[in-house]
Amino acid sequence: DLRHFMFHKLSGEFEVSEACDGKQA
């Protein structure tokens, strides 16, 4: 939920991608 919220808030200004943990990141 927090990751999707941050994605929504930041994607207007940045090209945003997501990862669920440090290993995937």
PDB file of all heavy atoms in Angstrom:
ATOM      1  N   ASP A   1       0.827  -1.207   0.000  1.00  0.00           N
ATOM      2  CA  ASP A   1       0.000   0.000   0.000  1.00  0.00           C
ATOM      3  C   ASP A   1       0.866   1.263   0.000  1.00  0.00           C
ATOM      4  O   ASP A   1       0.598   2.213  -0.754  1.00  0.00           O
ATOM      5  CB  ASP A   1      -0.931   0.011   1.213  1.00  0.00           C
ATOM      6  CG  ASP A   1      -2.008  -1.064   1.133  1.00  0.00           C
ATOM      7  OD1 ASP A   1      -2.318  -1.490   0.000  1.00  0.00           O
ATOM      8  OD2 ASP A   1      -2.523  -1.480   2.193  1.00  0.00           O
ATOM      9  N   LEU A   2       1.886   1.281   0.843  1.00  0.00           N
ATOM     10  CA  LEU A   2       2.762   2.451   0.911  1.00  0.00           C
ATOM     11  C   LEU A   2       3.544   2.622  -0.386  1.00  0.00           C
ATOM     12  O   LEU A   2       3.705   3.739  -0.883  1.00  0.00           O
ATOM     13  CB  LEU A   2       3.724   2.329   2.093  1.00  0.00           C
ATOM     14  CG  LEU A   2       4.724   3.473   2.264  1.00  0.00           C
ATOM     15  CD1 LEU A   2       4.015   4.815   2.363  1.00  0.00           C
ATOM     16  CD2 LEU A   2       5.604   3.239   3.497  1.00  0.00           C
ATOM     17  N   ARG A   3       4.016   1.507  -0.950  1.00  0.00           N
ATOM     18  CA  ARG A   3       4.782   1.588  -2.198  1.00  0.00           C
ATOM     19  C   ARG A   3       3.914   2.136  -3.322  1.00  0.00           C
ATOM     20  O   ARG A   3       4.345   3.006  -4.092  1.00  0.00           O
ATOM     21  CB  ARG A   3       5.325   0.213  -2.579  1.00  0.00           C
ATOM     22  CG  ARG A   3       6.306   0.249  -3.755  1.00  0.00           C
ATOM     23  CD  ARG A   3       6.835  -1.129  -4.097  1.00  0.00           C
ATOM     24  NE  ARG A   3       5.794  -2.028  -4.566  1.00  0.00           N
ATOM     25  CZ  ARG A   3       5.311  -3.051  -3.856  1.00  0.00           C
ATOM     26  NH1 ARG A   3       5.776  -3.315  -2.645  1.00  0.00           N
ATOM     27  NH2 ARG A   3       4.354  -3.820  -4.351  1.00  0.00           N
ATOM     28  N   HIS A   4       2.680   1.669  -3.434  1.00  0.00           N
ATOM     29  CA  HIS A   4       1.774   2.148  -4.482  1.00  0.00           C
ATOM     30  C   HIS A   4       1.423   3.620  -4.264  1.00  0.00           C
ATOM     31  O   HIS A   4       1.310   4.397  -5.216  1.00  0.00           O
ATOM     32  CB  HIS A   4       0.499   1.306  -4.522  1.00  0.00           C
ATOM     33  CG  HIS A   4       0.734  -0.132  -4.884  1.00  0.00           C
ATOM     34  ND1 HIS A   4       1.744  -0.517  -5.735  1.00  0.00           N
ATOM     35  CD2 HIS A   4       0.084  -1.273  -4.524  1.00  0.00           C
ATOM     36  CE1 HIS A   4       1.719  -1.830  -5.878  1.00  0.00           C
ATOM     37  NE2 HIS A   4       0.726  -2.312  -5.151  1.00  0.00           N
ATOM     38  N   PHE A   5       1.245   4.004  -2.991  1.00  0.00           N
ATOM     39  CA  PHE A   5       0.954   5.400  -2.666  1.00  0.00           C
ATOM     40  C   PHE A   5       2.108   6.300  -3.103  1.00  0.00           C
ATOM     41  O   PHE A   5       1.899   7.352  -3.737  1.00  0.00           O
ATOM     42  CB  PHE A   5       0.704   5.540  -1.160  1.00  0.00           C
ATOM     43  CG  PHE A   5       0.601   6.963  -0.689  1.00  0.00           C
ATOM     44  CD1 PHE A   5      -0.539   7.718  -0.923  1.00  0.00           C
ATOM     45  CD2 PHE A   5       1.661   7.565  -0.002  1.00  0.00           C
ATOM     46  CE1 PHE A   5      -0.628   9.036  -0.492  1.00  0.00           C
ATOM     47  CE2 PHE A   5       1.574   8.873   0.444  1.00  0.00           C
ATOM     48  CZ  PHE A   5       0.433   9.618   0.190  1.00  0.00           C
ATOM     49  N   MET A   6       3.332   5.902  -2.776  1.00  0.00           N
ATOM     50  CA  MET A   6       4.515   6.682  -3.152  1.00  0.00           C
ATOM     51  C   MET A   6       4.667   6.738  -4.676  1.00  0.00           C
ATOM     52  O   MET A   6       5.019   7.773  -5.238  1.00  0.00           O
ATOM     53  CB  MET A   6       5.758   6.097  -2.503  1.00  0.00           C
ATOM     54  CG  MET A   6       5.780   6.227  -0.997  1.00  0.00           C
ATOM     55  SD  MET A   6       7.234   5.426  -0.270  1.00  0.00           S
ATOM     56  CE  MET A   6       8.554   6.449  -0.941  1.00  0.00           C
ATOM     57  N   PHE A   7       4.397   5.616  -5.328  1.00  0.00           N
ATOM     58  CA  PHE A   7       4.469   5.576  -6.792  1.00  0.00           C
ATOM     59  C   PHE A   7       3.522   6.615  -7.391  1.00  0.00           C
ATOM     60  O   PHE A   7       3.901   7.381  -8.288  1.00  0.00           O
ATOM     61  CB  PHE A   7       4.113   4.178  -7.291  1.00  0.00           C
ATOM     62  CG  PHE A   7       4.114   4.055  -8.792  1.00  0.00           C
ATOM     63  CD1 PHE A   7       5.252   3.658  -9.473  1.00  0.00           C
ATOM     64  CD2 PHE A   7       2.959   4.332  -9.526  1.00  0.00           C
ATOM     65  CE1 PHE A   7       5.254   3.546 -10.863  1.00  0.00           C
ATOM     66  CE2 PHE A   7       2.947   4.231 -10.911  1.00  0.00           C
ATOM     67  CZ  PHE A   7       4.111   3.828 -11.582  1.00  0.00           C
ATOM     68  N   HIS A   8       2.307   6.655  -6.884  1.00  0.00           N
ATOM     69  CA  HIS A   8       1.297   7.587  -7.392  1.00  0.00           C
ATOM     70  C   HIS A   8       1.731   9.037  -7.167  1.00  0.00           C
ATOM     71  O   HIS A   8       1.587   9.888  -8.060  1.00  0.00           O
ATOM     72  CB  HIS A   8      -0.050   7.321  -6.712  1.00  0.00           C
ATOM     73  CG  HIS A   8      -1.120   8.321  -7.059  1.00  0.00           C
ATOM     74  ND1 HIS A   8      -1.724   8.372  -8.302  1.00  0.00           N
ATOM     75  CD2 HIS A   8      -1.673   9.325  -6.316  1.00  0.00           C
ATOM     76  CE1 HIS A   8      -2.602   9.353  -8.312  1.00  0.00           C
ATOM     77  NE2 HIS A   8      -2.589   9.948  -7.134  1.00  0.00           N
ATOM     78  N   LYS A   9       2.271   9.331  -5.998  1.00  0.00           N
ATOM     79  CA  LYS A   9       2.650  10.698  -5.653  1.00  0.00           C
ATOM     80  C   LYS A   9       3.889  11.182  -6.411  1.00  0.00           C
ATOM     81  O   LYS A   9       4.032  12.385  -6.677  1.00  0.00           O
ATOM     82  CB  LYS A   9       2.899  10.812  -4.147  1.00  0.00           C
ATOM     83  CG  LYS A   9       1.649  10.681  -3.292  1.00  0.00           C
ATOM     84  CD  LYS A   9       0.709  11.854  -3.523  1.00  0.00           C
ATOM     85  CE  LYS A   9      -0.494  11.796  -2.605  1.00  0.00           C
ATOM     86  NZ  LYS A   9      -1.430  12.949  -2.832  1.00  0.00           N
ATOM     87  N   LEU A  10       4.796  10.272  -6.753  1.00  0.00           N
ATOM     88  CA  LEU A  10       6.060  10.674  -7.356  1.00  0.00           C
ATOM     89  C   LEU A  10       6.086  10.543  -8.883  1.00  0.00           C
ATOM     90  O   LEU A  10       6.919  11.145  -9.539  1.00  0.00           O
ATOM     91  CB  LEU A  10       7.216   9.848  -6.769  1.00  0.00           C
ATOM     92  CG  LEU A  10       7.499  10.066  -5.286  1.00  0.00           C
ATOM     93  CD1 LEU A  10       8.509   9.047  -4.787  1.00  0.00           C
ATOM     94  CD2 LEU A  10       8.009  11.481  -5.042  1.00  0.00           C
ATOM     95  N   SER A  11       5.166   9.751  -9.437  1.00  0.00           N
ATOM     96  CA  SER A  11       5.229   9.458 -10.864  1.00  0.00           C
ATOM     97  C   SER A  11       4.889  10.654 -11.742  1.00  0.00           C
ATOM     98  O   SER A  11       5.207  10.651 -12.935  1.00  0.00           O
ATOM     99  CB  SER A  11       4.306   8.280 -11.211  1.00  0.00           C
ATOM    100  OG  SER A  11       2.966   8.564 -10.848  1.00  0.00           O
ATOM    101  N   GLY A  12       4.253  11.679 -11.175  1.00  0.00           N
ATOM    102  CA  GLY A  12       3.987  12.873 -11.975  1.00  0.00           C
ATOM    103  C   GLY A  12       5.247  13.647 -12.298  1.00  0.00           C
ATOM    104  O   GLY A  12       5.343  14.314 -13.331  1.00  0.00           O
ATOM    105  N   GLU A  13       6.241  13.575 -11.407  1.00  0.00           N
ATOM    106  CA  GLU A  13       7.483  14.344 -11.573  1.00  0.00           C
ATOM    107  C   GLU A  13       8.660  13.485 -12.027  1.00  0.00           C
ATOM    108  O   GLU A  13       9.612  13.994 -12.603  1.00  0.00           O
ATOM    109  CB  GLU A  13       7.827  15.031 -10.245  1.00  0.00           C
ATOM    110  CG  GLU A  13       8.953  16.045 -10.336  1.00  0.00           C
ATOM    111  CD  GLU A  13       9.024  16.926  -9.104  1.00  0.00           C
ATOM    112  OE1 GLU A  13       7.991  17.062  -8.388  1.00  0.00           O
ATOM    113  OE2 GLU A  13      10.105  17.484  -8.848  1.00  0.00           O
ATOM    114  N   PHE A  14       8.588  12.173 -11.757  1.00  0.00           N
ATOM    115  CA  PHE A  14       9.696  11.273 -12.083  1.00  0.00           C
ATOM    116  C   PHE A  14       9.189  10.051 -12.841  1.00  0.00           C
ATOM    117  O   PHE A  14       8.006   9.721 -12.779  1.00  0.00           O
ATOM    118  CB  PHE A  14      10.396  10.800 -10.791  1.00  0.00           C
ATOM    119  CG  PHE A  14      10.855  11.925  -9.913  1.00  0.00           C
ATOM    120  CD1 PHE A  14      10.082  12.344  -8.836  1.00  0.00           C
ATOM    121  CD2 PHE A  14      12.053  12.576 -10.147  1.00  0.00           C
ATOM    122  CE1 PHE A  14      10.487  13.379  -8.014  1.00  0.00           C
ATOM    123  CE2 PHE A  14      12.481  13.608  -9.338  1.00  0.00           C
ATOM    124  CZ  PHE A  14      11.695  14.018  -8.278  1.00  0.00           C
ATOM    125  N   GLU A  15      10.118   9.392 -13.521  1.00  0.00           N
ATOM    126  CA  GLU A  15       9.815   8.085 -14.096  1.00  0.00           C
ATOM    127  C   GLU A  15      10.116   7.054 -13.015  1.00  0.00           C
ATOM    128  O   GLU A  15      11.273   6.830 -12.677  1.00  0.00           O
ATOM    129  CB  GLU A  15      10.681   7.832 -15.331  1.00  0.00           C
ATOM    130  CG  GLU A  15      10.400   6.506 -16.009  1.00  0.00           C
ATOM    131  CD  GLU A  15      11.321   6.251 -17.185  1.00  0.00           C
ATOM    132  OE1 GLU A  15      11.720   7.222 -17.852  1.00  0.00           O
ATOM    133  OE2 GLU A  15      11.653   5.078 -17.414  1.00  0.00           O
ATOM    134  N   VAL A  16       9.078   6.441 -12.464  1.00  0.00           N
ATOM    135  CA  VAL A  16       9.218   5.647 -11.246  1.00  0.00           C
ATOM    136  C   VAL A  16       9.095   4.155 -11.542  1.00  0.00           C
ATOM    137  O   VAL A  16       8.209   3.725 -12.278  1.00  0.00           O
ATOM    138  CB  VAL A  16       8.150   6.048 -10.202  1.00  0.00           C
ATOM    139  CG1 VAL A  16       8.342   5.265  -8.907  1.00  0.00           C
ATOM    140  CG2 VAL A  16       8.209   7.546  -9.927  1.00  0.00           C
ATOM    141  N   SER A  17       9.991   3.376 -10.952  1.00  0.00           N
ATOM    142  CA  SER A  17       9.875   1.920 -10.951  1.00  0.00           C
ATOM    143  C   SER A  17       9.861   1.444  -9.499  1.00  0.00           C
ATOM    144  O   SER A  17      10.143   2.217  -8.579  1.00  0.00           O
ATOM    145  CB  SER A  17      11.014   1.268 -11.740  1.00  0.00           C
ATOM    146  OG  SER A  17      12.275   1.703 -11.257  1.00  0.00           O
ATOM    147  N   GLU A  18       9.540   0.162  -9.291  1.00  0.00           N
ATOM    148  CA  GLU A  18       9.307  -0.345  -7.939  1.00  0.00           C
ATOM    149  C   GLU A  18      10.058  -1.642  -7.682  1.00  0.00           C
ATOM    150  O   GLU A  18      10.302  -2.430  -8.603  1.00  0.00           O
ATOM    151  CB  GLU A  18       7.814  -0.613  -7.720  1.00  0.00           C
ATOM    152  CG  GLU A  18       6.909   0.559  -7.993  1.00  0.00           C
ATOM    153  CD  GLU A  18       5.448   0.153  -7.911  1.00  0.00           C
ATOM    154  OE1 GLU A  18       5.034  -0.407  -6.870  1.00  0.00           O
ATOM    155  OE2 GLU A  18       4.729   0.373  -8.902  1.00  0.00           O
ATOM    156  N   ALA A  19      10.403  -1.848  -6.405  1.00  0.00           N
ATOM    157  CA  ALA A  19      10.956  -3.122  -5.942  1.00  0.00           C
ATOM    158  C   ALA A  19      10.420  -3.378  -4.542  1.00  0.00           C
ATOM    159  O   ALA A  19      10.136  -2.445  -3.792  1.00  0.00           O
ATOM    160  CB  ALA A  19      12.480  -3.091  -5.931  1.00  0.00           C
ATOM    161  N   CYS A  20      10.268  -4.655  -4.199  1.00  0.00           N
ATOM    162  CA  CYS A  20       9.646  -5.027  -2.932  1.00  0.00           C
ATOM    163  C   CYS A  20      10.647  -5.277  -1.804  1.00  0.00           C
ATOM    164  O   CYS A  20      10.246  -5.409  -0.653  1.00  0.00           O
ATOM    165  CB  CYS A  20       8.773  -6.270  -3.117  1.00  0.00           C
ATOM    166  SG  CYS A  20       7.509  -6.060  -4.373  1.00  0.00           S
ATOM    167  N   ASP A  21      11.917  -5.402  -2.138  1.00  0.00           N
ATOM    168  CA  ASP A  21      12.938  -5.589  -1.104  1.00  0.00           C
ATOM    169  C   ASP A  21      14.297  -5.233  -1.701  1.00  0.00           C
ATOM    170  O   ASP A  21      14.420  -4.974  -2.906  1.00  0.00           O
ATOM    171  CB  ASP A  21      12.942  -7.028  -0.564  1.00  0.00           C
ATOM    172  CG  ASP A  21      13.125  -8.076  -1.650  1.00  0.00           C
ATOM    173  OD1 ASP A  21      14.081  -7.951  -2.452  1.00  0.00           O
ATOM    174  OD2 ASP A  21      12.326  -9.026  -1.709  1.00  0.00           O
ATOM    175  N   GLY A  22      15.318  -5.226  -0.863  1.00  0.00           N
ATOM    176  CA  GLY A  22      16.638  -4.826  -1.320  1.00  0.00           C
ATOM    177  C   GLY A  22      17.239  -5.745  -2.351  1.00  0.00           C
ATOM    178  O   GLY A  22      17.936  -5.297  -3.270  1.00  0.00           O
ATOM    179  N   LYS A  23      16.965  -7.034  -2.237  1.00  0.00           N
ATOM    180  CA  LYS A  23      17.517  -7.994  -3.187  1.00  0.00           C
ATOM    181  C   LYS A  23      16.989  -7.738  -4.590  1.00  0.00           C
ATOM    182  O   LYS A  23      17.748  -7.705  -5.565  1.00  0.00           O
ATOM    183  CB  LYS A  23      17.188  -9.422  -2.745  1.00  0.00           C
ATOM    184  CG  LYS A  23      17.777 -10.489  -3.655  1.00  0.00           C
ATOM    185  CD  LYS A  23      17.427 -11.894  -3.150  1.00  0.00           C
ATOM    186  CE  LYS A  23      17.994 -12.967  -4.080  1.00  0.00           C
ATOM    187  NZ  LYS A  23      17.621 -14.334  -3.620  1.00  0.00           N
ATOM    188  N   GLN A  24      15.681  -7.559  -4.696  1.00  0.00           N
ATOM    189  CA  GLN A  24      15.087  -7.285  -6.002  1.00  0.00           C
ATOM    190  C   GLN A  24      15.547  -5.924  -6.515  1.00  0.00           C
ATOM    191  O   GLN A  24      15.820  -5.757  -7.709  1.00  0.00           O
ATOM    192  CB  GLN A  24      13.565  -7.313  -5.900  1.00  0.00           C
ATOM    193  CG  GLN A  24      12.880  -7.175  -7.257  1.00  0.00           C
ATOM    194  CD  GLN A  24      11.380  -7.032  -7.138  1.00  0.00           C
ATOM    195  OE1 GLN A  24      10.886  -6.547  -6.129  1.00  0.00           O
ATOM    196  NE2 GLN A  24      10.669  -7.444  -8.166  1.00  0.00           N
ATOM    197  N   ALA A  25      15.660  -4.959  -5.602  1.00  0.00           N
ATOM    198  CA  ALA A  25      16.120  -3.622  -5.990  1.00  0.00           C
ATOM    199  C   ALA A  25      17.522  -3.673  -6.571  1.00  0.00           C
ATOM    200  O   ALA A  25      17.806  -3.029  -7.590  1.00  0.00           O
ATOM    201  CB  ALA A  25      16.090  -2.690  -4.781  1.00  0.00           C
TER     202      ALA A  25
END
